[in-house]
Structure formats: C-alpha cells, structure tokens
N, C-alpha and C. Protein backbone atom coordinates (compact mmCIF):
# COMPACT_ATOMS: atom_id res chain seq x y z
N UNK A 1 -1.64 -10.01 21.14
CA UNK A 1 -0.74 -9.11 20.46
C UNK A 1 -1.54 -8.25 19.48
N UNK A 2 -1.38 -6.93 19.54
CA UNK A 2 -2.07 -6.05 18.62
C UNK A 2 -1.40 -6.13 17.26
N UNK A 3 -2.23 -6.00 16.21
CA UNK A 3 -1.71 -6.14 14.85
C UNK A 3 -0.67 -5.08 14.53
N UNK A 4 -0.80 -3.87 15.06
CA UNK A 4 0.17 -2.82 14.74
C UNK A 4 1.56 -3.14 15.28
N UNK A 5 1.65 -3.96 16.34
CA UNK A 5 2.96 -4.30 16.90
C UNK A 5 3.77 -5.17 15.95
N UNK A 6 3.13 -5.80 15.00
CA UNK A 6 3.84 -6.61 14.01
C UNK A 6 4.82 -5.75 13.23
N UNK A 7 4.53 -4.44 13.10
CA UNK A 7 5.35 -3.55 12.30
C UNK A 7 6.18 -2.60 13.15
N UNK A 8 6.20 -2.80 14.46
CA UNK A 8 6.80 -1.83 15.37
C UNK A 8 8.27 -1.54 15.06
N UNK A 9 9.05 -2.54 14.67
CA UNK A 9 10.47 -2.30 14.46
C UNK A 9 10.91 -2.49 13.01
N UNK A 10 9.95 -2.66 12.13
CA UNK A 10 10.30 -2.86 10.72
C UNK A 10 10.71 -1.52 10.10
N UNK A 11 11.68 -1.58 9.20
CA UNK A 11 12.14 -0.38 8.49
C UNK A 11 11.30 -0.18 7.24
N UNK A 12 10.85 1.05 7.03
CA UNK A 12 10.04 1.37 5.86
C UNK A 12 10.94 1.76 4.69
N UNK A 13 10.59 1.27 3.51
CA UNK A 13 11.25 1.72 2.29
C UNK A 13 10.56 3.01 1.85
N UNK A 14 11.34 3.99 1.43
CA UNK A 14 10.80 5.27 0.99
C UNK A 14 10.88 5.37 -0.53
N UNK A 15 9.79 5.82 -1.13
CA UNK A 15 9.74 6.02 -2.57
C UNK A 15 9.34 7.46 -2.86
N UNK A 16 9.40 7.85 -4.12
CA UNK A 16 8.98 9.19 -4.51
C UNK A 16 7.51 9.42 -4.18
N UNK A 17 7.12 10.68 -4.10
CA UNK A 17 5.74 11.11 -3.92
C UNK A 17 5.15 10.67 -2.57
N UNK A 18 5.99 10.46 -1.57
CA UNK A 18 5.49 10.13 -0.23
C UNK A 18 4.94 8.73 -0.10
N UNK A 19 5.41 7.82 -0.91
CA UNK A 19 4.95 6.43 -0.86
C UNK A 19 5.96 5.63 -0.04
N UNK A 20 5.44 4.81 0.88
CA UNK A 20 6.30 3.95 1.70
C UNK A 20 5.80 2.51 1.66
N UNK A 21 6.73 1.59 1.91
CA UNK A 21 6.39 0.17 1.98
C UNK A 21 7.12 -0.42 3.17
N UNK A 22 6.40 -1.15 4.00
CA UNK A 22 7.00 -1.81 5.15
C UNK A 22 6.47 -3.24 5.22
N UNK A 23 7.38 -4.16 5.48
CA UNK A 23 7.01 -5.58 5.61
C UNK A 23 7.08 -5.97 7.07
N UNK A 24 6.14 -6.78 7.48
CA UNK A 24 6.15 -7.24 8.87
C UNK A 24 7.41 -8.05 9.14
N UNK A 25 7.79 -8.13 10.41
CA UNK A 25 8.99 -8.87 10.78
C UNK A 25 8.92 -10.32 10.34
N UNK A 26 7.71 -10.90 10.38
CA UNK A 26 7.58 -12.30 9.98
C UNK A 26 7.37 -12.47 8.48
N UNK A 27 7.29 -11.35 7.74
CA UNK A 27 7.17 -11.41 6.30
C UNK A 27 5.79 -11.73 5.77
N UNK A 28 4.79 -11.78 6.64
CA UNK A 28 3.45 -12.19 6.22
C UNK A 28 2.62 -11.07 5.63
N UNK A 29 2.90 -9.81 5.99
CA UNK A 29 2.07 -8.68 5.58
C UNK A 29 2.96 -7.54 5.09
N UNK A 30 2.50 -6.86 4.05
CA UNK A 30 3.17 -5.65 3.56
C UNK A 30 2.15 -4.51 3.61
N UNK A 31 2.58 -3.36 4.16
CA UNK A 31 1.74 -2.17 4.18
C UNK A 31 2.37 -1.13 3.25
N UNK A 32 1.56 -0.62 2.34
CA UNK A 32 1.99 0.44 1.42
C UNK A 32 1.14 1.66 1.72
N UNK A 33 1.80 2.78 1.98
CA UNK A 33 1.08 4.02 2.27
C UNK A 33 1.37 5.06 1.19
N UNK A 34 0.48 6.02 1.11
CA UNK A 34 0.61 7.09 0.13
C UNK A 34 0.23 8.40 0.80
N UNK A 35 0.88 9.48 0.39
CA UNK A 35 0.51 10.80 0.89
C UNK A 35 -0.58 11.45 0.03
N UNK A 36 -1.14 10.68 -0.89
CA UNK A 36 -2.29 11.15 -1.63
C UNK A 36 -2.00 12.02 -2.83
N UNK A 37 -0.76 12.04 -3.32
CA UNK A 37 -0.46 12.79 -4.53
C UNK A 37 -1.17 12.09 -5.69
N UNK A 38 -2.07 12.80 -6.35
CA UNK A 38 -2.89 12.19 -7.39
C UNK A 38 -2.42 12.53 -8.81
N UNK A 39 -1.18 13.00 -8.95
CA UNK A 39 -0.65 13.23 -10.29
C UNK A 39 -0.39 11.88 -10.97
N UNK A 40 -0.34 11.87 -12.27
CA UNK A 40 -0.09 10.62 -13.00
C UNK A 40 1.24 9.99 -12.61
N UNK A 41 2.28 10.80 -12.43
CA UNK A 41 3.59 10.26 -12.06
C UNK A 41 3.52 9.58 -10.69
N UNK A 42 2.81 10.20 -9.75
CA UNK A 42 2.68 9.61 -8.41
C UNK A 42 1.86 8.33 -8.45
N UNK A 43 0.79 8.32 -9.23
CA UNK A 43 -0.04 7.11 -9.37
C UNK A 43 0.78 6.00 -9.99
N UNK A 44 1.57 6.32 -11.00
CA UNK A 44 2.43 5.31 -11.62
C UNK A 44 3.47 4.77 -10.64
N UNK A 45 4.02 5.64 -9.80
CA UNK A 45 4.98 5.19 -8.78
C UNK A 45 4.31 4.24 -7.79
N UNK A 46 3.10 4.61 -7.33
CA UNK A 46 2.35 3.75 -6.40
C UNK A 46 2.06 2.41 -7.06
N UNK A 47 1.60 2.43 -8.30
CA UNK A 47 1.32 1.20 -9.03
C UNK A 47 2.59 0.33 -9.12
N UNK A 48 3.73 0.96 -9.44
CA UNK A 48 4.98 0.21 -9.57
C UNK A 48 5.39 -0.45 -8.25
N UNK A 49 5.17 0.24 -7.13
CA UNK A 49 5.51 -0.32 -5.82
C UNK A 49 4.61 -1.53 -5.51
N UNK A 50 3.30 -1.38 -5.76
CA UNK A 50 2.38 -2.50 -5.53
C UNK A 50 2.71 -3.65 -6.48
N UNK A 51 2.93 -3.34 -7.74
CA UNK A 51 3.27 -4.36 -8.74
C UNK A 51 4.54 -5.12 -8.35
N UNK A 52 5.57 -4.38 -7.94
CA UNK A 52 6.83 -4.99 -7.51
C UNK A 52 6.60 -5.91 -6.32
N UNK A 53 5.75 -5.49 -5.39
CA UNK A 53 5.44 -6.31 -4.22
C UNK A 53 4.80 -7.63 -4.66
N UNK A 54 3.84 -7.56 -5.57
CA UNK A 54 3.15 -8.77 -6.03
C UNK A 54 4.08 -9.68 -6.83
N UNK A 55 4.85 -9.11 -7.73
CA UNK A 55 5.73 -9.90 -8.59
C UNK A 55 6.79 -10.63 -7.77
N UNK A 56 7.28 -9.99 -6.71
CA UNK A 56 8.36 -10.59 -5.93
C UNK A 56 7.89 -11.40 -4.74
N UNK A 57 6.59 -11.57 -4.60
CA UNK A 57 6.06 -12.37 -3.49
C UNK A 57 6.37 -13.84 -3.75
N UNK A 58 6.63 -14.60 -2.70
CA UNK A 58 6.93 -16.02 -2.83
C UNK A 58 5.75 -16.77 -3.44
N UNK A 59 6.05 -17.56 -4.47
CA UNK A 59 5.00 -18.35 -5.10
C UNK A 59 4.43 -19.36 -4.12
N UNK A 60 3.13 -19.58 -4.23
CA UNK A 60 2.48 -20.58 -3.41
C UNK A 60 2.02 -20.08 -2.05
N UNK A 61 2.31 -18.84 -1.72
CA UNK A 61 1.85 -18.28 -0.45
C UNK A 61 0.90 -17.13 -0.72
N UNK A 62 0.01 -16.87 0.22
CA UNK A 62 -0.96 -15.79 0.06
C UNK A 62 -0.31 -14.45 0.28
N UNK A 63 -0.51 -13.54 -0.67
CA UNK A 63 -0.06 -12.16 -0.52
C UNK A 63 -1.01 -11.49 0.45
N UNK A 64 -0.48 -10.87 1.49
CA UNK A 64 -1.28 -10.13 2.46
C UNK A 64 -0.81 -8.68 2.40
N UNK A 65 -1.64 -7.85 1.78
CA UNK A 65 -1.25 -6.50 1.46
C UNK A 65 -2.24 -5.50 2.05
N UNK A 66 -1.71 -4.51 2.76
CA UNK A 66 -2.53 -3.43 3.30
C UNK A 66 -2.18 -2.15 2.54
N UNK A 67 -3.18 -1.58 1.88
CA UNK A 67 -3.00 -0.32 1.15
C UNK A 67 -3.60 0.79 2.00
N UNK A 68 -2.75 1.56 2.65
CA UNK A 68 -3.20 2.63 3.53
C UNK A 68 -3.35 3.91 2.71
N UNK A 69 -4.59 4.26 2.41
CA UNK A 69 -4.89 5.43 1.59
C UNK A 69 -5.68 6.45 2.41
N UNK A 70 -5.22 6.68 3.64
CA UNK A 70 -5.96 7.55 4.56
C UNK A 70 -5.48 8.99 4.59
N UNK A 71 -4.43 9.32 3.85
CA UNK A 71 -3.93 10.69 3.87
C UNK A 71 -5.04 11.64 3.41
N UNK A 72 -5.16 12.81 4.03
CA UNK A 72 -6.23 13.76 3.65
C UNK A 72 -6.19 14.17 2.17
N UNK A 73 -5.05 14.09 1.53
CA UNK A 73 -4.97 14.44 0.11
C UNK A 73 -5.42 13.32 -0.82
N UNK A 74 -5.67 12.13 -0.25
CA UNK A 74 -6.01 10.98 -1.07
C UNK A 74 -7.33 11.22 -1.79
N UNK A 75 -7.36 10.89 -3.04
CA UNK A 75 -8.57 11.04 -3.84
C UNK A 75 -8.66 9.94 -4.86
N UNK A 76 -9.50 10.17 -5.84
CA UNK A 76 -9.70 9.22 -6.92
C UNK A 76 -9.73 10.00 -8.22
N UNK A 77 -9.02 9.48 -9.21
CA UNK A 77 -9.08 10.06 -10.55
C UNK A 77 -9.40 8.94 -11.53
N UNK A 78 -9.91 9.29 -12.70
CA UNK A 78 -10.13 8.24 -13.70
C UNK A 78 -8.84 7.45 -13.99
N UNK A 79 -7.70 8.15 -14.00
CA UNK A 79 -6.44 7.47 -14.27
C UNK A 79 -6.09 6.48 -13.15
N UNK A 80 -6.27 6.90 -11.89
CA UNK A 80 -5.95 5.98 -10.79
C UNK A 80 -6.85 4.75 -10.83
N UNK A 81 -8.10 4.92 -11.16
CA UNK A 81 -9.01 3.78 -11.23
C UNK A 81 -8.68 2.87 -12.41
N UNK A 82 -8.11 3.43 -13.47
CA UNK A 82 -7.76 2.61 -14.64
C UNK A 82 -6.59 1.68 -14.36
N UNK A 83 -5.78 1.98 -13.36
CA UNK A 83 -4.60 1.16 -13.06
C UNK A 83 -4.94 -0.05 -12.19
N UNK A 84 -6.00 0.03 -11.41
CA UNK A 84 -6.33 -1.05 -10.46
C UNK A 84 -6.60 -2.40 -11.13
N UNK A 85 -7.38 -2.47 -12.21
CA UNK A 85 -7.61 -3.79 -12.84
C UNK A 85 -6.34 -4.50 -13.27
N UNK A 86 -5.30 -3.74 -13.60
CA UNK A 86 -4.03 -4.35 -14.00
C UNK A 86 -3.43 -5.17 -12.86
N UNK A 87 -3.62 -4.71 -11.63
CA UNK A 87 -3.09 -5.46 -10.48
C UNK A 87 -3.87 -6.75 -10.26
N UNK A 88 -5.18 -6.70 -10.47
CA UNK A 88 -5.99 -7.92 -10.37
C UNK A 88 -5.56 -8.93 -11.44
N UNK A 89 -5.30 -8.44 -12.64
CA UNK A 89 -4.88 -9.34 -13.71
C UNK A 89 -3.55 -10.01 -13.39
N UNK A 90 -2.66 -9.30 -12.73
CA UNK A 90 -1.38 -9.89 -12.34
C UNK A 90 -1.60 -11.07 -11.40
N UNK A 91 -2.52 -10.93 -10.45
CA UNK A 91 -2.81 -12.03 -9.53
C UNK A 91 -3.39 -13.23 -10.29
N UNK A 92 -4.15 -12.96 -11.33
CA UNK A 92 -4.72 -14.05 -12.13
C UNK A 92 -3.65 -14.74 -12.97
N UNK A 93 -2.69 -13.98 -13.49
CA UNK A 93 -1.63 -14.55 -14.31
C UNK A 93 -0.76 -15.49 -13.48
N UNK A 94 -0.46 -15.07 -12.25
CA UNK A 94 0.30 -15.94 -11.36
C UNK A 94 -0.70 -16.89 -10.72
N UNK A 95 -1.01 -17.98 -11.40
CA UNK A 95 -2.12 -18.86 -11.02
C UNK A 95 -2.00 -19.40 -9.60
N UNK A 96 -0.79 -19.53 -9.10
CA UNK A 96 -0.63 -20.05 -7.75
C UNK A 96 -0.68 -18.94 -6.70
N UNK A 97 -0.97 -17.71 -7.12
CA UNK A 97 -1.02 -16.58 -6.20
C UNK A 97 -2.44 -16.31 -5.73
N UNK A 98 -2.59 -16.22 -4.44
CA UNK A 98 -3.82 -15.73 -3.84
C UNK A 98 -3.45 -14.44 -3.13
N UNK A 99 -4.32 -13.45 -3.24
CA UNK A 99 -4.05 -12.16 -2.61
C UNK A 99 -5.18 -11.79 -1.67
N UNK A 100 -4.79 -11.34 -0.50
CA UNK A 100 -5.72 -10.82 0.49
C UNK A 100 -5.32 -9.37 0.68
N UNK A 101 -6.20 -8.45 0.25
CA UNK A 101 -5.85 -7.03 0.22
C UNK A 101 -6.81 -6.23 1.09
N UNK A 102 -6.23 -5.54 2.07
CA UNK A 102 -7.00 -4.65 2.94
C UNK A 102 -6.74 -3.22 2.48
N UNK A 103 -7.80 -2.49 2.19
CA UNK A 103 -7.67 -1.09 1.78
C UNK A 103 -8.19 -0.23 2.92
N UNK A 104 -7.33 0.66 3.41
CA UNK A 104 -7.71 1.52 4.53
C UNK A 104 -8.03 2.90 3.96
N UNK A 105 -9.29 3.31 4.14
CA UNK A 105 -9.79 4.58 3.61
C UNK A 105 -10.57 5.30 4.70
N UNK A 106 -10.61 6.63 4.62
CA UNK A 106 -11.42 7.41 5.56
C UNK A 106 -12.43 8.31 4.85
N UNK A 107 -12.16 8.65 3.60
CA UNK A 107 -13.04 9.54 2.85
C UNK A 107 -14.23 8.73 2.32
N UNK A 108 -15.43 9.11 2.73
CA UNK A 108 -16.63 8.33 2.38
C UNK A 108 -16.88 8.30 0.88
N UNK A 109 -16.61 9.39 0.17
CA UNK A 109 -16.80 9.39 -1.28
C UNK A 109 -15.84 8.40 -1.93
N UNK A 110 -14.60 8.39 -1.49
CA UNK A 110 -13.61 7.46 -2.03
C UNK A 110 -14.03 6.02 -1.70
N UNK A 111 -14.53 5.79 -0.51
CA UNK A 111 -15.00 4.45 -0.13
C UNK A 111 -16.10 3.98 -1.07
N UNK A 112 -17.06 4.84 -1.36
CA UNK A 112 -18.18 4.46 -2.25
C UNK A 112 -17.68 4.15 -3.66
N UNK A 113 -16.74 4.95 -4.15
CA UNK A 113 -16.20 4.72 -5.49
C UNK A 113 -15.44 3.40 -5.53
N UNK A 114 -14.57 3.17 -4.53
CA UNK A 114 -13.81 1.91 -4.48
C UNK A 114 -14.76 0.71 -4.38
N UNK A 115 -15.80 0.81 -3.58
CA UNK A 115 -16.75 -0.29 -3.42
C UNK A 115 -17.40 -0.63 -4.76
N UNK A 116 -17.79 0.38 -5.51
CA UNK A 116 -18.42 0.15 -6.81
C UNK A 116 -17.43 -0.48 -7.80
N UNK A 117 -16.21 0.03 -7.81
CA UNK A 117 -15.19 -0.51 -8.72
C UNK A 117 -14.89 -1.97 -8.37
N UNK A 118 -14.70 -2.26 -7.08
CA UNK A 118 -14.36 -3.62 -6.67
C UNK A 118 -15.49 -4.60 -6.98
N UNK A 119 -16.72 -4.17 -6.82
CA UNK A 119 -17.85 -5.06 -7.12
C UNK A 119 -17.80 -5.49 -8.59
N UNK A 120 -17.47 -4.56 -9.46
CA UNK A 120 -17.38 -4.87 -10.88
C UNK A 120 -16.15 -5.75 -11.19
N UNK A 121 -15.01 -5.41 -10.63
CA UNK A 121 -13.77 -6.14 -10.91
C UNK A 121 -13.83 -7.55 -10.31
N UNK A 122 -14.36 -7.68 -9.12
CA UNK A 122 -14.36 -8.94 -8.38
C UNK A 122 -15.03 -10.07 -9.16
N UNK A 123 -16.00 -9.74 -9.98
CA UNK A 123 -16.72 -10.77 -10.73
C UNK A 123 -15.80 -11.61 -11.61
N UNK A 124 -14.71 -11.04 -12.06
CA UNK A 124 -13.81 -11.72 -12.98
C UNK A 124 -12.49 -12.18 -12.36
N UNK A 125 -12.27 -11.88 -11.10
CA UNK A 125 -10.97 -12.19 -10.48
C UNK A 125 -11.18 -12.88 -9.13
N UNK A 126 -11.11 -14.20 -9.15
CA UNK A 126 -11.40 -14.96 -7.94
C UNK A 126 -10.20 -15.11 -7.02
N UNK A 127 -9.00 -14.81 -7.49
CA UNK A 127 -7.80 -14.99 -6.68
C UNK A 127 -7.56 -13.87 -5.69
N UNK A 128 -8.36 -12.80 -5.75
CA UNK A 128 -8.14 -11.64 -4.91
C UNK A 128 -9.34 -11.45 -3.97
N UNK A 129 -9.04 -11.40 -2.69
CA UNK A 129 -10.05 -11.11 -1.67
C UNK A 129 -9.70 -9.76 -1.07
N UNK A 130 -10.56 -8.77 -1.27
CA UNK A 130 -10.26 -7.44 -0.74
C UNK A 130 -11.40 -6.98 0.15
N UNK A 131 -11.02 -6.09 1.08
CA UNK A 131 -11.98 -5.55 2.03
C UNK A 131 -11.53 -4.15 2.42
N UNK A 132 -12.50 -3.27 2.62
CA UNK A 132 -12.20 -1.89 3.00
C UNK A 132 -12.34 -1.73 4.51
N UNK A 133 -11.39 -1.01 5.11
CA UNK A 133 -11.38 -0.75 6.54
C UNK A 133 -11.19 0.74 6.79
N UNK A 134 -11.47 1.14 8.04
CA UNK A 134 -11.30 2.54 8.43
C UNK A 134 -10.00 2.78 9.20
N UNK A 135 -9.40 1.70 9.74
CA UNK A 135 -8.14 1.84 10.48
C UNK A 135 -7.16 0.75 10.04
N UNK A 136 -5.90 1.06 10.18
CA UNK A 136 -4.86 0.10 9.85
C UNK A 136 -4.88 -1.09 10.80
N UNK A 137 -5.20 -0.87 12.07
CA UNK A 137 -5.26 -1.99 13.01
C UNK A 137 -6.34 -3.00 12.63
N UNK A 138 -7.52 -2.50 12.22
CA UNK A 138 -8.59 -3.41 11.77
C UNK A 138 -8.14 -4.19 10.54
N UNK A 139 -7.50 -3.49 9.62
CA UNK A 139 -7.03 -4.13 8.40
C UNK A 139 -5.98 -5.20 8.70
N UNK A 140 -5.03 -4.86 9.56
CA UNK A 140 -3.97 -5.81 9.91
C UNK A 140 -4.53 -7.05 10.60
N UNK A 141 -5.50 -6.85 11.49
CA UNK A 141 -6.11 -8.00 12.18
C UNK A 141 -6.77 -8.93 11.18
N UNK A 142 -7.49 -8.38 10.21
CA UNK A 142 -8.14 -9.21 9.18
C UNK A 142 -7.10 -9.94 8.33
N UNK A 143 -6.04 -9.25 7.96
CA UNK A 143 -5.00 -9.86 7.14
C UNK A 143 -4.33 -11.03 7.86
N UNK A 144 -4.21 -10.94 9.16
CA UNK A 144 -3.51 -11.97 9.93
C UNK A 144 -4.42 -13.14 10.34
N UNK A 145 -5.70 -13.06 10.00
CA UNK A 145 -6.62 -14.16 10.33
C UNK A 145 -6.22 -15.42 9.59
C-alpha cells in the first residue's frame, strides 16, 4: 500500500492563509500544508494549527506529523524561525509525548536553513524526531515505519 493512499478519502480542514490539515483514516498521521504566505498573521495561523494538533493528540501515543512546505511561495523569515522552538518545548512539556515530524521541502536554501536550525534545537529536545524529505510519499512512508 502506498503511503499517499492513507489519505485518499480523508477530508481536509481548511484554515486561513491557505493552510490545510488532514488526518489519515486510521488516525496515525496528520499532514499540514501551507501555501507559503510568510506574513506574521499567516505564520501565527500555521503555528496555531500545529500547536492545536499537538495539544489535542492522544497522550501516550507518538505524534506523527507531516509538514508539507513545498508551495513555491514558501520561505523562511526570522519570525517564522522564532516560532519553531515553541513547538519543541510543547513536546517536552507533555512528558509522555513523542513526536515524529516529517518536513517536506523543495527549496534548497530553505532546506539548509531548516537543517541548521534543527541541529541546534535537537540538542535540547529528545522527544522530537524530525527529518526532511523532498516528497510527501517519502515522508509518509517514514512516518508509518
């Protein structure tokens, strides 16, 4: 079974600024996509959707989250990077939470920036395992391992 088929009939929730969230039929994986709006309001909306997903995840089970940031408008701002550590801290606060996060990126500059940020953040947050991918199918396969 291909990983993308897990989401074939799931309904996506729509949020402002082109942000969507879809949960797999079996509830094991959530994919959040963005249309790459890099305004502060859009970044805050994206953060709120990810935060809500983490806060409402069942305790004692691994969060499997795919962040699809492949839209051509996707970029990086100092403000967007400042919000990421807050999500790692949330996973640490919920001591029984483990998170497996696949980030799907296509822009090589964004990939290099994310890699550098994660290397620094990862040193202090052991509950989060993240990996960067180029396609959603690769990310989904890793998440379902």
